[in-house]
Amino acid sequence: MITKRQALTLILVIMLVLSPLLPKAYYWYQNDHFSCESNLQVLYKNNLLNVVLHYSFEGGDGELEVTGNLSESGKVAANINRKINFSYQHENNVFTFSSKESFDNNPRLVELLRPLVLDFFLRKDTGYKIKIHRLKTGDYIFESNNIPNYYCAKS
């Protein structure tokens, strides 16, 4: 029969053995569970896309909420309020997204957005590969081809 003292000693030994793993587990969890927000403007010819991107990452499933507008020649052509669900995998800081939804409910808007954004944002089952660097501040830099795409503030 195990005495109360032996049980406490056993628990203490287990805690001491596992304690070095806790920071690593916390770091792993943070890399797979975070959210951030970015303001983005993309200009192409006479079209201006002005949106706020809110990313949420939850262990392989992600959600991107996009709000803002698209202007043609200085006049608002469309307001945008859209949630895009996606799955993702990552190895270190290289993330591969795969969209679960399409944006085909508004063909006119899709045609206006096509030169401004990647297919990932418009079509289902399309991929997007990007590096996400976590900064010491807890914010993020999204980068592709060694070029920073945008800054995403921790939310």
Protein backbone atom coordinates (compact mmCIF):
# COMPACT_ATOMS: atom_id res chain seq x y z
CA MET A 1 0.00 0.00 0.00
CA ILE A 2 1.32 3.43 -0.93
CA THR A 3 1.38 5.96 1.85
CA LYS A 4 0.32 9.56 1.41
CA ARG A 5 3.96 10.66 1.65
CA GLN A 6 5.06 8.19 -1.07
CA ALA A 7 2.25 9.36 -3.36
CA LEU A 8 3.26 13.01 -2.90
CA THR A 9 6.90 12.12 -3.53
CA LEU A 10 5.95 10.26 -6.72
CA ILE A 11 3.88 13.23 -7.95
CA LEU A 12 6.76 15.60 -7.19
CA VAL A 13 9.25 13.41 -9.10
CA ILE A 14 6.89 13.22 -12.11
CA MET A 15 6.46 17.00 -12.06
CA LEU A 16 10.22 17.53 -11.93
CA VAL A 17 10.77 15.14 -14.84
CA LEU A 18 8.08 16.78 -16.98
CA SER A 19 8.86 20.41 -16.10
CA PRO A 20 11.50 20.89 -18.84
CA LEU A 21 8.87 19.89 -21.41
CA LEU A 22 6.36 22.56 -20.36
CA PRO A 23 8.02 25.53 -22.14
CA LYS A 24 8.30 23.48 -25.33
CA ALA A 25 4.64 22.45 -25.12
CA TYR A 26 3.63 26.08 -24.54
CA TYR A 27 5.72 27.22 -27.53
CA TRP A 28 4.18 24.48 -29.72
CA TYR A 29 0.67 25.47 -28.63
CA GLN A 30 1.30 29.16 -29.40
CA ASN A 31 2.51 28.29 -32.90
CA ASP A 32 -0.75 26.51 -33.66
CA HIS A 33 -3.28 28.66 -31.75
CA PHE A 34 -3.17 32.39 -32.38
CA SER A 35 -5.02 35.25 -34.00
CA CYS A 36 -3.95 38.53 -35.54
CA GLU A 37 -5.28 41.48 -37.52
CA SER A 38 -3.86 43.41 -40.45
CA ASN A 39 -4.88 46.45 -42.49
CA LEU A 40 -4.18 45.92 -46.16
CA GLN A 41 -4.39 48.14 -49.23
CA VAL A 42 -3.76 46.79 -52.72
CA LEU A 43 -3.72 49.11 -55.73
CA TYR A 44 -3.97 47.82 -59.30
CA LYS A 45 -4.61 50.24 -62.15
CA ASN A 46 -7.72 52.19 -61.06
CA ASN A 47 -8.85 49.64 -58.45
CA LEU A 48 -8.10 49.95 -54.74
CA LEU A 49 -8.78 47.13 -52.29
CA ASN A 50 -8.89 48.46 -48.72
CA VAL A 51 -9.55 45.70 -46.15
CA VAL A 52 -8.95 44.53 -42.61
CA LEU A 53 -7.87 40.89 -42.36
CA HIS A 54 -8.50 39.02 -39.11
CA TYR A 55 -6.82 35.61 -39.01
CA SER A 56 -7.58 32.91 -36.41
CA PHE A 57 -5.51 29.71 -36.24
CA GLU A 58 -6.77 26.78 -34.15
CA GLY A 59 -4.78 23.58 -34.49
CA GLY A 60 -5.04 23.00 -38.25
CA ASP A 61 -8.27 24.92 -38.87
CA GLY A 62 -8.27 28.60 -39.66
CA GLU A 63 -10.68 31.41 -40.32
CA LEU A 64 -10.04 34.65 -42.16
CA GLU A 65 -12.53 37.45 -41.73
CA VAL A 66 -12.22 40.12 -44.43
CA THR A 67 -14.00 43.47 -44.09
CA GLY A 68 -13.56 46.59 -46.17
CA ASN A 69 -14.27 47.80 -49.68
CA LEU A 70 -13.15 47.79 -53.26
CA SER A 71 -13.04 51.08 -55.16
CA GLU A 72 -12.96 51.65 -58.92
CA SER A 73 -11.64 55.03 -60.05
CA GLY A 74 -12.17 56.46 -56.56
CA LYS A 75 -15.79 55.27 -56.16
CA VAL A 76 -16.77 52.37 -53.92
CA ALA A 77 -17.68 49.49 -56.22
CA ALA A 78 -18.38 46.94 -53.48
CA ASN A 79 -18.34 46.50 -49.74
CA ILE A 80 -16.68 43.31 -48.58
CA ASN A 81 -17.65 41.37 -45.47
CA ARG A 82 -16.59 37.76 -45.82
CA LYS A 83 -15.41 34.84 -43.70
CA ILE A 84 -13.14 32.31 -45.34
CA ASN A 85 -12.61 29.00 -43.58
CA PHE A 86 -9.43 27.13 -44.40
CA SER A 87 -7.32 24.27 -43.22
CA TYR A 88 -3.59 24.57 -42.74
CA GLN A 89 -0.49 22.62 -42.04
CA HIS A 90 2.84 24.00 -40.99
CA GLU A 91 6.40 22.99 -40.55
CA ASN A 92 8.18 25.48 -38.35
CA ASN A 93 7.07 28.85 -39.74
CA VAL A 94 6.09 27.71 -43.26
CA PHE A 95 2.30 27.48 -43.47
CA THR A 96 0.29 25.89 -46.28
CA PHE A 97 -3.34 26.99 -46.39
CA SER A 98 -6.16 25.30 -48.32
CA SER A 99 -9.44 27.18 -48.73
CA LYS A 100 -12.68 25.41 -47.85
CA GLU A 101 -14.99 27.92 -49.52
CA SER A 102 -15.42 29.81 -52.76
CA PHE A 103 -16.39 33.40 -53.39
CA ASP A 104 -18.57 32.61 -56.40
CA ASN A 105 -21.80 34.16 -55.11
CA ASN A 106 -20.80 37.47 -56.74
CA PRO A 107 -19.15 36.95 -60.16
CA ARG A 108 -18.70 40.69 -60.79
CA LEU A 109 -16.80 41.12 -57.53
CA VAL A 110 -14.68 38.05 -58.24
CA GLU A 111 -13.63 39.53 -61.60
CA LEU A 112 -12.70 42.83 -59.94
CA LEU A 113 -10.74 41.05 -57.19
CA ARG A 114 -8.95 38.52 -59.42
CA PRO A 115 -6.01 40.84 -60.35
CA LEU A 116 -5.71 42.03 -56.73
CA VAL A 117 -5.71 38.84 -54.65
CA LEU A 118 -4.60 35.21 -54.80
CA ASP A 119 -6.99 32.46 -55.89
CA PHE A 120 -6.95 31.19 -52.29
CA PHE A 121 -9.19 34.12 -51.34
CA LEU A 122 -11.66 33.45 -54.18
CA ARG A 123 -11.84 29.72 -54.97
CA LYS A 124 -12.39 26.58 -52.94
CA ASP A 125 -9.60 23.99 -52.64
CA THR A 126 -6.85 26.38 -53.71
CA GLY A 127 -3.62 26.63 -51.79
CA TYR A 128 -1.50 29.39 -50.40
CA LYS A 129 1.98 28.93 -48.97
CA ILE A 130 3.44 31.59 -46.72
CA LYS A 131 6.00 32.04 -43.96
CA ILE A 132 4.69 33.49 -40.72
CA HIS A 133 7.30 34.96 -38.40
CA ARG A 134 6.35 35.57 -34.79
CA LEU A 135 7.97 38.72 -33.44
CA LYS A 136 9.12 39.23 -29.85
CA THR A 137 6.14 41.55 -29.37
CA GLY A 138 3.75 38.67 -30.15
CA ASP A 139 2.83 40.20 -33.51
CA TYR A 140 3.47 38.51 -36.86
CA ILE A 141 5.02 39.16 -40.26
CA PHE A 142 3.54 37.26 -43.21
CA GLU A 143 6.19 36.72 -45.88
CA SER A 144 6.37 35.06 -49.27
CA ASN A 145 9.42 34.75 -51.54
CA ASN A 146 11.52 36.49 -48.87
CA ILE A 147 9.36 39.62 -49.18
CA PRO A 148 7.21 40.78 -46.25
CA ASN A 149 3.58 40.85 -47.38
CA TYR A 150 2.04 42.40 -44.29
CA TYR A 151 2.27 42.96 -40.58
CA CYS A 152 -0.39 41.24 -38.48
CA ALA A 153 -0.94 42.57 -34.95
CA LYS A 154 -1.73 40.04 -32.22
CA SER A 155 -5.41 40.16 -31.30
